[in-house]
N, C-alpha and C. Protein backbone atom coordinates (compact mmCIF):
# COMPACT_ATOMS: atom_id res chain seq x y z
N UNK A 1 122.26 103.51 87.10
CA UNK A 1 120.98 103.94 86.59
C UNK A 1 120.97 103.78 85.08
N UNK A 2 119.82 103.45 84.57
CA UNK A 2 119.64 103.28 83.14
C UNK A 2 119.46 104.65 82.50
N UNK A 3 120.29 104.94 81.51
CA UNK A 3 120.21 106.21 80.80
C UNK A 3 120.11 105.91 79.31
N UNK A 4 119.05 106.43 78.66
CA UNK A 4 118.83 106.20 77.23
C UNK A 4 118.84 104.71 76.88
N UNK A 5 118.25 103.89 77.75
CA UNK A 5 118.15 102.47 77.50
C UNK A 5 119.41 101.68 77.77
N UNK A 6 120.43 102.31 78.36
CA UNK A 6 121.70 101.64 78.63
C UNK A 6 121.95 101.63 80.13
N UNK A 7 122.42 100.50 80.64
CA UNK A 7 122.73 100.39 82.07
C UNK A 7 121.66 99.60 82.80
N UNK A 8 121.82 99.52 84.11
CA UNK A 8 120.87 98.77 84.93
C UNK A 8 119.66 99.63 85.28
N UNK A 9 118.53 98.96 85.42
CA UNK A 9 117.30 99.64 85.79
C UNK A 9 117.42 100.25 87.19
N UNK A 10 116.80 101.39 87.38
CA UNK A 10 116.71 102.01 88.70
C UNK A 10 115.78 101.14 89.54
N UNK A 11 116.19 100.76 90.75
CA UNK A 11 115.32 99.93 91.58
C UNK A 11 114.08 100.69 92.06
N UNK A 12 112.96 100.00 92.10
CA UNK A 12 111.76 100.61 92.68
C UNK A 12 111.95 100.73 94.18
N UNK A 13 111.40 101.78 94.74
CA UNK A 13 111.33 101.98 96.18
C UNK A 13 109.85 101.84 96.55
N UNK A 14 109.53 101.73 97.82
CA UNK A 14 108.11 101.68 98.17
C UNK A 14 107.32 102.86 97.60
N UNK A 15 107.91 104.05 97.62
CA UNK A 15 107.22 105.24 97.10
C UNK A 15 107.03 105.16 95.58
N UNK A 16 108.09 104.83 94.84
CA UNK A 16 107.96 104.77 93.38
C UNK A 16 107.02 103.63 92.97
N UNK A 17 107.03 102.51 93.71
CA UNK A 17 106.08 101.42 93.43
C UNK A 17 104.65 101.93 93.56
N UNK A 18 104.34 102.63 94.64
CA UNK A 18 102.99 103.16 94.86
C UNK A 18 102.61 104.17 93.79
N UNK A 19 103.54 105.05 93.44
CA UNK A 19 103.25 106.07 92.43
C UNK A 19 102.95 105.44 91.08
N UNK A 20 103.73 104.48 90.68
CA UNK A 20 103.52 103.82 89.38
C UNK A 20 102.24 103.00 89.41
N UNK A 21 102.05 102.22 90.46
CA UNK A 21 100.86 101.37 90.57
C UNK A 21 99.57 102.20 90.51
N UNK A 22 99.59 103.35 91.16
CA UNK A 22 98.42 104.23 91.19
C UNK A 22 98.03 104.68 89.78
N UNK A 23 98.99 104.77 88.89
CA UNK A 23 98.74 105.26 87.54
C UNK A 23 98.56 104.15 86.50
N UNK A 24 98.64 102.88 86.94
CA UNK A 24 98.32 101.79 86.02
C UNK A 24 96.80 101.71 85.92
N UNK A 25 96.30 101.57 84.72
CA UNK A 25 94.86 101.69 84.49
C UNK A 25 94.08 100.43 84.85
N UNK A 26 94.60 99.25 84.47
CA UNK A 26 93.82 98.03 84.66
C UNK A 26 94.29 97.24 85.88
N UNK A 27 93.39 96.43 86.42
CA UNK A 27 93.74 95.56 87.55
C UNK A 27 94.82 94.56 87.16
N UNK A 28 94.79 94.08 85.91
CA UNK A 28 95.80 93.09 85.50
C UNK A 28 97.19 93.72 85.47
N UNK A 29 97.28 94.97 85.06
CA UNK A 29 98.59 95.64 85.06
C UNK A 29 99.06 95.90 86.48
N UNK A 30 98.13 96.29 87.36
CA UNK A 30 98.49 96.51 88.77
C UNK A 30 98.94 95.21 89.42
N UNK A 31 98.24 94.12 89.10
CA UNK A 31 98.61 92.83 89.68
C UNK A 31 99.96 92.37 89.15
N UNK A 32 100.22 92.58 87.87
CA UNK A 32 101.53 92.22 87.32
C UNK A 32 102.64 92.92 88.12
N UNK A 33 102.49 94.24 88.31
CA UNK A 33 103.52 94.99 89.04
C UNK A 33 103.63 94.51 90.48
N UNK A 34 102.50 94.20 91.11
CA UNK A 34 102.53 93.72 92.49
C UNK A 34 103.25 92.38 92.59
N UNK A 35 103.00 91.49 91.65
CA UNK A 35 103.69 90.19 91.67
C UNK A 35 105.20 90.41 91.50
N UNK A 36 105.57 91.30 90.60
CA UNK A 36 106.99 91.61 90.40
C UNK A 36 107.59 92.21 91.68
N UNK A 37 106.86 93.12 92.32
CA UNK A 37 107.32 93.81 93.54
C UNK A 37 107.47 92.84 94.72
N UNK A 38 106.50 91.95 94.89
CA UNK A 38 106.49 91.07 96.07
C UNK A 38 107.21 89.74 95.87
N UNK A 39 107.57 89.39 94.62
CA UNK A 39 108.29 88.13 94.41
C UNK A 39 109.67 88.35 93.79
N UNK A 40 109.90 89.51 93.19
CA UNK A 40 111.20 89.79 92.59
C UNK A 40 111.51 88.94 91.37
N UNK A 41 110.50 88.45 90.71
CA UNK A 41 110.72 87.59 89.54
C UNK A 41 110.89 88.41 88.28
N UNK A 42 111.48 87.80 87.27
CA UNK A 42 111.67 88.43 85.96
C UNK A 42 110.31 88.60 85.27
N UNK A 43 110.17 89.65 84.47
CA UNK A 43 108.89 89.91 83.78
C UNK A 43 108.38 88.73 82.95
N UNK A 44 109.26 88.07 82.21
CA UNK A 44 108.83 86.98 81.34
C UNK A 44 108.22 85.82 82.12
N UNK A 45 108.79 85.51 83.27
CA UNK A 45 108.26 84.41 84.09
C UNK A 45 106.90 84.77 84.68
N UNK A 46 106.72 86.03 85.02
CA UNK A 46 105.42 86.47 85.55
C UNK A 46 104.36 86.42 84.46
N UNK A 47 104.69 86.90 83.28
CA UNK A 47 103.73 86.90 82.18
C UNK A 47 103.29 85.49 81.80
N UNK A 48 104.17 84.52 81.94
CA UNK A 48 103.84 83.15 81.53
C UNK A 48 103.35 82.28 82.67
N UNK A 49 103.07 82.88 83.83
CA UNK A 49 102.60 82.09 84.97
C UNK A 49 101.17 81.60 84.73
N UNK A 50 100.91 80.38 85.14
CA UNK A 50 99.60 79.74 85.02
C UNK A 50 98.81 80.01 86.31
N UNK A 51 97.50 80.12 86.21
CA UNK A 51 96.69 80.40 87.41
C UNK A 51 96.88 79.35 88.50
N UNK A 52 97.12 78.10 88.11
CA UNK A 52 97.30 77.04 89.12
C UNK A 52 98.61 77.20 89.90
N UNK A 53 99.53 78.02 89.39
CA UNK A 53 100.79 78.23 90.08
C UNK A 53 100.71 79.39 91.08
N UNK A 54 99.56 80.06 91.11
CA UNK A 54 99.42 81.20 92.02
C UNK A 54 98.15 81.09 92.88
N UNK A 55 97.19 80.26 92.41
CA UNK A 55 95.94 80.06 93.17
C UNK A 55 95.82 78.60 93.59
N UNK A 56 95.47 78.41 94.86
CA UNK A 56 95.15 77.08 95.37
C UNK A 56 93.80 76.65 94.81
N UNK A 57 92.84 77.59 94.84
CA UNK A 57 91.51 77.35 94.28
C UNK A 57 91.13 78.60 93.47
N UNK A 58 91.12 78.45 92.16
CA UNK A 58 90.87 79.58 91.26
C UNK A 58 89.44 80.09 91.41
N UNK A 59 88.47 79.18 91.47
CA UNK A 59 87.06 79.59 91.55
C UNK A 59 86.77 80.43 92.78
N UNK A 60 87.38 80.06 93.91
CA UNK A 60 87.16 80.80 95.16
C UNK A 60 88.20 81.90 95.38
N UNK A 61 89.08 82.08 94.40
CA UNK A 61 90.13 83.11 94.46
C UNK A 61 91.01 82.97 95.70
N UNK A 62 91.41 81.74 95.99
CA UNK A 62 92.26 81.47 97.14
C UNK A 62 93.71 81.34 96.67
N UNK A 63 94.54 82.32 97.01
CA UNK A 63 95.95 82.27 96.60
C UNK A 63 96.71 81.15 97.31
N UNK A 64 97.72 80.64 96.65
CA UNK A 64 98.62 79.66 97.26
C UNK A 64 99.46 80.37 98.33
N UNK A 65 100.02 79.60 99.23
CA UNK A 65 100.93 80.16 100.24
C UNK A 65 102.27 80.53 99.63
N UNK A 66 102.57 79.93 98.48
CA UNK A 66 103.77 80.28 97.74
C UNK A 66 103.41 80.51 96.28
N UNK A 67 104.11 81.42 95.65
CA UNK A 67 103.98 81.62 94.21
C UNK A 67 104.99 80.67 93.57
N UNK A 68 104.51 79.84 92.67
CA UNK A 68 105.35 78.83 92.04
C UNK A 68 105.74 79.28 90.63
N UNK A 69 107.03 79.34 90.40
CA UNK A 69 107.55 79.63 89.07
C UNK A 69 108.22 78.35 88.57
N UNK A 70 107.53 77.59 87.70
CA UNK A 70 108.12 76.34 87.23
C UNK A 70 109.36 76.57 86.37
N UNK A 71 110.20 75.57 86.34
CA UNK A 71 111.47 75.67 85.59
C UNK A 71 111.25 76.04 84.13
N UNK A 72 110.15 75.61 83.55
CA UNK A 72 109.89 75.89 82.13
C UNK A 72 109.67 77.38 81.87
N UNK A 73 109.32 78.16 82.90
CA UNK A 73 109.07 79.59 82.74
C UNK A 73 110.26 80.47 83.09
N UNK A 74 111.30 79.86 83.64
CA UNK A 74 112.40 80.67 84.17
C UNK A 74 113.64 80.59 83.30
N UNK A 75 114.36 81.69 83.28
CA UNK A 75 115.59 81.82 82.49
C UNK A 75 116.62 80.76 82.88
N UNK A 76 116.76 80.50 84.18
CA UNK A 76 117.78 79.55 84.65
C UNK A 76 117.29 78.10 84.64
N UNK A 77 116.03 77.88 84.23
CA UNK A 77 115.44 76.54 84.13
C UNK A 77 115.38 75.81 85.47
N UNK A 78 115.28 76.57 86.57
CA UNK A 78 115.13 76.00 87.90
C UNK A 78 113.82 76.48 88.50
N UNK A 79 113.05 75.55 89.05
CA UNK A 79 111.80 75.91 89.70
C UNK A 79 112.09 76.78 90.92
N UNK A 80 111.22 77.76 91.13
CA UNK A 80 111.39 78.69 92.25
C UNK A 80 110.05 78.89 92.94
N UNK A 81 110.03 78.84 94.25
CA UNK A 81 108.83 79.14 95.04
C UNK A 81 109.15 80.30 95.96
N UNK A 82 108.23 81.26 96.01
CA UNK A 82 108.40 82.43 96.86
C UNK A 82 107.18 82.53 97.77
N UNK A 83 107.38 82.65 99.08
CA UNK A 83 106.23 82.82 99.96
C UNK A 83 105.38 84.01 99.51
N UNK A 84 104.07 83.84 99.56
CA UNK A 84 103.15 84.89 99.11
C UNK A 84 102.94 85.91 100.21
N UNK A 85 103.35 87.13 99.95
CA UNK A 85 103.19 88.24 100.89
C UNK A 85 101.70 88.48 101.15
N UNK A 86 101.35 88.91 102.35
CA UNK A 86 99.94 89.13 102.71
C UNK A 86 99.27 90.17 101.82
N UNK A 87 99.98 91.23 101.45
CA UNK A 87 99.40 92.27 100.59
C UNK A 87 99.13 91.72 99.19
N UNK A 88 100.02 90.88 98.71
CA UNK A 88 99.81 90.24 97.41
C UNK A 88 98.63 89.28 97.48
N UNK A 89 98.49 88.56 98.60
CA UNK A 89 97.34 87.66 98.77
C UNK A 89 96.03 88.43 98.69
N UNK A 90 95.98 89.62 99.29
CA UNK A 90 94.77 90.44 99.23
C UNK A 90 94.45 90.84 97.79
N UNK A 91 95.47 91.23 97.04
CA UNK A 91 95.25 91.61 95.64
C UNK A 91 94.79 90.42 94.82
N UNK A 92 95.40 89.26 95.04
CA UNK A 92 95.01 88.05 94.31
C UNK A 92 93.59 87.64 94.64
N UNK A 93 93.18 87.81 95.90
CA UNK A 93 91.81 87.47 96.30
C UNK A 93 90.78 88.39 95.65
N UNK A 94 91.16 89.62 95.39
CA UNK A 94 90.25 90.59 94.78
C UNK A 94 90.23 90.50 93.25
N UNK A 95 91.26 89.91 92.68
CA UNK A 95 91.40 89.84 91.22
C UNK A 95 90.52 88.72 90.66
N UNK A 96 89.96 88.95 89.48
CA UNK A 96 89.14 87.93 88.81
C UNK A 96 90.02 87.21 87.79
N UNK A 97 90.61 86.06 88.18
CA UNK A 97 91.51 85.36 87.26
C UNK A 97 90.72 84.54 86.24
N UNK A 98 91.34 84.19 85.12
CA UNK A 98 90.69 83.26 84.20
C UNK A 98 90.54 81.90 84.89
N UNK A 99 89.64 81.08 84.43
CA UNK A 99 89.39 79.77 85.05
C UNK A 99 90.60 78.84 84.92
N UNK A 100 91.35 78.99 83.85
CA UNK A 100 92.53 78.15 83.63
C UNK A 100 93.47 78.86 82.67
N UNK A 101 94.65 78.31 82.55
CA UNK A 101 95.63 78.87 81.62
C UNK A 101 96.43 80.00 82.24
N UNK A 102 96.89 80.89 81.39
CA UNK A 102 97.74 81.99 81.84
C UNK A 102 96.97 82.94 82.76
N UNK A 103 97.64 83.42 83.79
CA UNK A 103 97.05 84.42 84.68
C UNK A 103 96.80 85.72 83.91
N UNK A 104 97.69 86.00 82.96
CA UNK A 104 97.57 87.20 82.15
C UNK A 104 97.45 86.82 80.67
N UNK A 105 96.26 86.34 80.26
CA UNK A 105 96.10 85.92 78.86
C UNK A 105 96.12 87.13 77.91
N UNK A 106 96.57 86.87 76.70
CA UNK A 106 96.55 87.90 75.66
C UNK A 106 95.11 88.21 75.30
N UNK A 107 94.84 89.47 75.05
CA UNK A 107 93.50 89.86 74.61
C UNK A 107 93.35 89.68 73.10
N UNK A 108 94.48 89.51 72.42
CA UNK A 108 94.48 89.43 70.95
C UNK A 108 94.71 88.03 70.40
N UNK A 109 95.54 87.26 71.06
CA UNK A 109 95.92 85.95 70.53
C UNK A 109 95.49 84.85 71.49
N UNK A 110 94.56 84.03 71.04
CA UNK A 110 94.06 82.92 71.85
C UNK A 110 95.19 81.95 72.20
N UNK A 111 95.23 81.52 73.46
CA UNK A 111 96.24 80.57 73.91
C UNK A 111 97.60 81.17 74.20
N UNK A 112 97.72 82.48 74.11
CA UNK A 112 98.99 83.17 74.38
C UNK A 112 98.84 84.04 75.63
N UNK A 113 99.96 84.37 76.24
CA UNK A 113 99.90 85.28 77.38
C UNK A 113 100.11 86.71 76.92
N UNK A 114 99.80 87.64 77.78
CA UNK A 114 100.03 89.07 77.53
C UNK A 114 101.49 89.24 77.13
N UNK A 115 101.73 90.05 76.12
CA UNK A 115 103.11 90.21 75.64
C UNK A 115 103.89 91.17 76.53
N UNK A 116 105.19 91.00 76.49
CA UNK A 116 106.07 91.90 77.23
C UNK A 116 105.90 93.33 76.73
N UNK A 117 105.71 93.48 75.42
CA UNK A 117 105.53 94.82 74.83
C UNK A 117 104.28 95.48 75.38
N UNK A 118 103.20 94.72 75.54
CA UNK A 118 101.94 95.28 76.05
C UNK A 118 102.10 95.76 77.50
N UNK A 119 102.73 94.94 78.33
CA UNK A 119 102.90 95.35 79.73
C UNK A 119 103.90 96.50 79.83
N UNK A 120 104.90 96.50 78.95
CA UNK A 120 105.87 97.59 78.95
C UNK A 120 105.21 98.91 78.56
N UNK A 121 104.32 98.87 77.57
CA UNK A 121 103.60 100.11 77.17
C UNK A 121 102.77 100.64 78.34
N UNK A 122 102.07 99.76 79.03
CA UNK A 122 101.26 100.18 80.19
C UNK A 122 102.16 100.76 81.28
N UNK A 123 103.30 100.12 81.51
CA UNK A 123 104.26 100.59 82.52
C UNK A 123 104.79 101.97 82.14
N UNK A 124 105.14 102.17 80.89
CA UNK A 124 105.67 103.45 80.42
C UNK A 124 104.62 104.57 80.53
N UNK A 125 103.36 104.24 80.23
CA UNK A 125 102.29 105.24 80.38
C UNK A 125 102.15 105.65 81.84
N UNK A 126 102.23 104.67 82.75
CA UNK A 126 102.13 104.96 84.18
C UNK A 126 103.31 105.80 84.65
N UNK A 127 104.50 105.49 84.15
CA UNK A 127 105.68 106.29 84.50
C UNK A 127 105.48 107.75 84.11
N UNK A 128 104.96 107.95 82.91
CA UNK A 128 104.75 109.31 82.41
C UNK A 128 103.73 110.05 83.28
N UNK A 129 102.61 109.38 83.61
CA UNK A 129 101.59 110.00 84.45
C UNK A 129 102.11 110.30 85.86
N UNK A 130 103.03 109.47 86.34
CA UNK A 130 103.60 109.65 87.68
C UNK A 130 104.79 110.62 87.67
N UNK A 131 105.09 111.18 86.51
CA UNK A 131 106.24 112.09 86.34
C UNK A 131 107.55 111.41 86.72
N UNK A 132 107.67 110.13 86.37
CA UNK A 132 108.88 109.35 86.67
C UNK A 132 109.59 108.87 85.41
N UNK A 133 109.18 109.39 84.26
CA UNK A 133 109.86 108.98 83.03
C UNK A 133 111.28 109.55 83.05
N UNK A 134 112.15 108.94 82.32
CA UNK A 134 113.57 109.34 82.24
C UNK A 134 114.30 109.25 83.57
N UNK A 135 113.81 108.39 84.46
CA UNK A 135 114.48 108.18 85.76
C UNK A 135 115.17 106.82 85.80
N UNK A 136 115.12 106.10 84.68
CA UNK A 136 115.80 104.81 84.60
C UNK A 136 114.97 103.61 85.00
N UNK A 137 113.67 103.78 85.19
CA UNK A 137 112.82 102.65 85.56
C UNK A 137 112.49 101.79 84.35
N UNK A 138 112.43 100.47 84.58
CA UNK A 138 112.02 99.53 83.54
C UNK A 138 111.26 98.40 84.24
N UNK A 139 110.84 97.41 83.47
CA UNK A 139 110.14 96.27 84.06
C UNK A 139 111.03 95.50 85.03
N UNK A 140 112.34 95.66 84.93
CA UNK A 140 113.27 95.00 85.86
C UNK A 140 113.45 95.79 87.15
N UNK A 141 112.89 96.99 87.23
CA UNK A 141 113.05 97.82 88.43
C UNK A 141 112.45 97.16 89.66
N UNK A 142 111.36 96.42 89.50
CA UNK A 142 110.76 95.74 90.65
C UNK A 142 111.69 94.65 91.18
N UNK A 143 112.32 93.91 90.27
CA UNK A 143 113.27 92.86 90.68
C UNK A 143 114.46 93.48 91.42
N UNK A 144 115.00 94.55 90.88
CA UNK A 144 116.13 95.22 91.54
C UNK A 144 115.69 95.81 92.88
N UNK A 145 114.47 96.36 92.93
CA UNK A 145 113.97 96.92 94.18
C UNK A 145 113.75 95.85 95.23
N UNK A 146 113.23 94.70 94.83
CA UNK A 146 113.00 93.57 95.73
C UNK A 146 114.32 93.15 96.39
N UNK A 147 115.33 92.96 95.57
CA UNK A 147 116.63 92.50 96.06
C UNK A 147 117.30 93.58 96.91
N UNK A 148 117.25 94.82 96.46
CA UNK A 148 117.85 95.92 97.22
C UNK A 148 117.17 96.09 98.57
N UNK A 149 115.83 96.00 98.61
CA UNK A 149 115.09 96.13 99.87
C UNK A 149 115.50 95.05 100.86
N UNK A 150 115.58 93.81 100.38
CA UNK A 150 115.97 92.72 101.27
C UNK A 150 117.37 92.96 101.84
N UNK A 151 118.27 93.44 101.00
CA UNK A 151 119.63 93.74 101.45
C UNK A 151 119.62 94.87 102.48
N UNK A 152 118.88 95.94 102.20
CA UNK A 152 118.80 97.08 103.13
C UNK A 152 118.19 96.68 104.47
N UNK A 153 117.29 95.70 104.46
CA UNK A 153 116.66 95.25 105.69
C UNK A 153 117.55 94.29 106.48
N UNK A 154 118.74 94.03 105.94
CA UNK A 154 119.73 93.25 106.68
C UNK A 154 119.64 91.75 106.51
N UNK A 155 118.89 91.26 105.54
CA UNK A 155 118.81 89.82 105.33
C UNK A 155 120.13 89.29 104.80
N UNK A 156 120.50 88.13 105.27
CA UNK A 156 121.72 87.47 104.84
C UNK A 156 121.67 87.24 103.33
N UNK A 157 122.80 87.37 102.68
CA UNK A 157 122.89 87.23 101.23
C UNK A 157 122.42 85.85 100.77
N UNK A 158 122.62 84.82 101.60
CA UNK A 158 122.15 83.47 101.24
C UNK A 158 120.63 83.38 101.26
N UNK A 159 119.97 84.11 102.15
CA UNK A 159 118.50 84.16 102.18
C UNK A 159 118.01 84.84 100.91
N UNK A 160 118.63 85.95 100.57
CA UNK A 160 118.25 86.68 99.36
C UNK A 160 118.47 85.79 98.13
N UNK A 161 119.58 85.10 98.09
CA UNK A 161 119.89 84.21 96.97
C UNK A 161 118.83 83.11 96.84
N UNK A 162 118.41 82.56 97.95
CA UNK A 162 117.37 81.50 97.93
C UNK A 162 116.05 82.07 97.43
N UNK A 163 115.70 83.28 97.86
CA UNK A 163 114.44 83.89 97.42
C UNK A 163 114.45 84.26 95.94
N UNK A 164 115.59 84.68 95.42
CA UNK A 164 115.66 85.14 94.03
C UNK A 164 115.96 84.03 93.04
N UNK A 165 116.57 82.95 93.53
CA UNK A 165 116.91 81.85 92.64
C UNK A 165 118.22 82.05 91.90
N UNK A 166 119.01 83.04 92.27
CA UNK A 166 120.31 83.23 91.62
C UNK A 166 121.24 82.07 91.96
N UNK A 167 121.92 81.55 90.96
CA UNK A 167 122.87 80.46 91.19
C UNK A 167 124.15 80.97 91.84
N UNK A 168 124.58 82.16 91.43
CA UNK A 168 125.83 82.69 91.98
C UNK A 168 125.58 84.00 92.72
N UNK A 169 126.33 84.19 93.78
CA UNK A 169 126.23 85.43 94.55
C UNK A 169 126.72 86.60 93.71
N UNK A 170 127.68 86.35 92.84
CA UNK A 170 128.18 87.40 91.95
C UNK A 170 127.09 87.98 91.06
N UNK A 171 126.23 87.11 90.53
CA UNK A 171 125.11 87.59 89.71
C UNK A 171 124.10 88.34 90.55
N UNK A 172 123.87 87.85 91.75
CA UNK A 172 122.91 88.48 92.66
C UNK A 172 123.35 89.88 93.06
N UNK A 173 124.61 90.04 93.37
CA UNK A 173 125.12 91.33 93.87
C UNK A 173 124.92 92.45 92.87
N UNK A 174 124.91 92.13 91.58
CA UNK A 174 124.71 93.16 90.55
C UNK A 174 123.33 93.83 90.68
N UNK A 175 122.39 93.15 91.32
CA UNK A 175 121.04 93.69 91.48
C UNK A 175 120.90 94.61 92.69
N UNK A 176 121.87 94.59 93.59
CA UNK A 176 121.79 95.39 94.81
C UNK A 176 122.28 96.80 94.53
N UNK A 177 121.42 97.76 94.78
CA UNK A 177 121.76 99.17 94.57
C UNK A 177 122.32 99.74 95.87
N UNK A 178 123.31 100.57 95.74
CA UNK A 178 123.92 101.25 96.89
C UNK A 178 123.76 102.75 96.65
N UNK A 179 123.19 103.45 97.63
CA UNK A 179 122.96 104.89 97.48
C UNK A 179 124.16 105.69 98.00
N UNK A 180 124.22 106.94 97.60
CA UNK A 180 125.26 107.84 98.11
C UNK A 180 125.16 107.99 99.62
N UNK A 181 123.93 108.01 100.14
CA UNK A 181 123.73 108.13 101.59
C UNK A 181 124.31 106.93 102.33
N UNK A 182 124.16 105.74 101.76
CA UNK A 182 124.72 104.55 102.38
C UNK A 182 126.25 104.62 102.40
N UNK A 183 126.83 105.09 101.31
CA UNK A 183 128.29 105.23 101.24
C UNK A 183 128.79 106.23 102.26
N UNK A 184 128.10 107.38 102.36
CA UNK A 184 128.49 108.41 103.33
C UNK A 184 128.35 107.89 104.75
N UNK A 185 127.24 107.15 105.00
CA UNK A 185 127.01 106.59 106.33
C UNK A 185 128.08 105.57 106.71
N UNK A 186 128.51 104.77 105.75
CA UNK A 186 129.55 103.78 106.01
C UNK A 186 130.86 104.45 106.43
N UNK A 187 131.22 105.52 105.74
CA UNK A 187 132.46 106.24 106.06
C UNK A 187 132.31 106.97 107.38
N UNK A 188 131.13 107.58 107.61
CA UNK A 188 130.90 108.33 108.85
C UNK A 188 130.94 107.41 110.07
N UNK A 189 130.50 106.18 109.91
CA UNK A 189 130.46 105.24 111.02
C UNK A 189 131.71 104.36 111.11
N UNK A 190 132.71 104.64 110.30
CA UNK A 190 133.92 103.83 110.24
C UNK A 190 134.78 104.05 111.45
């Protein structure tokens, strides 16, 4: 758990995701969190996503069957496609995206995307309203929650690796959270 800004982010759970999302004020902030929750991508790649990488037809608000993260937007410089979850498709269909360019354009700087600091401030305000501050949540909590959920649901580590784009299983495993209950259950069932 992250304490005083040190350590790994606490993974989001379905309940904490709902609590935080409920307290985000704007649709763009809610959509950002939903994309993070349903694709497990890093915040920077989500902020720099282009509407054409998430919508098949922007004017008709038709989401793609996969969310495309081009290599230019990703830390590892490898293109990644993630199947679009049905709940995310509903949110994308309801959202009013810009006609072109960044899905989350900056409100202050023309031609730029929403800054990480801006989305982080909105996230922190939602945490406070949800009474979840000082619990170790950060913008990376959705990524850790995505990976942890897939692991808990029993998906093979290679499937999870393909979905997340991790090159090494060692890097991927650091994102998987293990609870005290899981440890106790493992020993009890030994």
